[in-house]
Amino acid sequence: MKILFVCMGNICRSPSAEGVFRHVLGTRAPQLRVEIDSAGTHDYHIGSPPDRRSIAAALRRGIDLSALRARSVRDEDFFYYDLILAMDEENLRALRARAPAASLQRIRLMMEFAPTAFARHVPDPYYGGAQGFEEVLDLLEEAAEGLLQDLLSRGHG
């Protein structure tokens, strides 16, 4: 199973999603063979590490994002990944507009895996304060649990 997490610039939400899900897999289901990556729909920050506030917030939860580097979504990603998870509707639309028809069913919202969450999307914390980064991680942790349960129920474990 191969999963790609996607936001706009790949420095806040999608690397956080990658780190959170890697952590959930490592602690709760290390037997699962899942390849994980993250990317952005825009190329603003290619090669940059995650936002320092994302790194700090994740570290407080025992998740290290410091080795990750931003990249943009590539055409081949639509064929390579089994699941492409957008953080919000804007990025979902951007992915669907660019994806070949055969790949459209692979593209979903991350928060679909957290049906009891108050939010349908993961808000961009970039222009806000530190609390926004904590809220992003709260949402991603809930969605990551749902994603794990989905994978296990499909027999990927």
Foldseek 3Di string as FASTA:
>chain_A
DEEEEEEAWQQAQRLLLQQLLVVCCVVPPVVFDYHYYYEHQDHPFAFQFHDPLLQVLVVVVVTHRRVHGYHHDDQCCLVPGQAYEYQDDVRLVSCCVSHDPVSNVRYYHLLVLQVVDPDSGQDDCVPHDSVSSNSSNVSSNSSSVSVVVVCVVVPSD
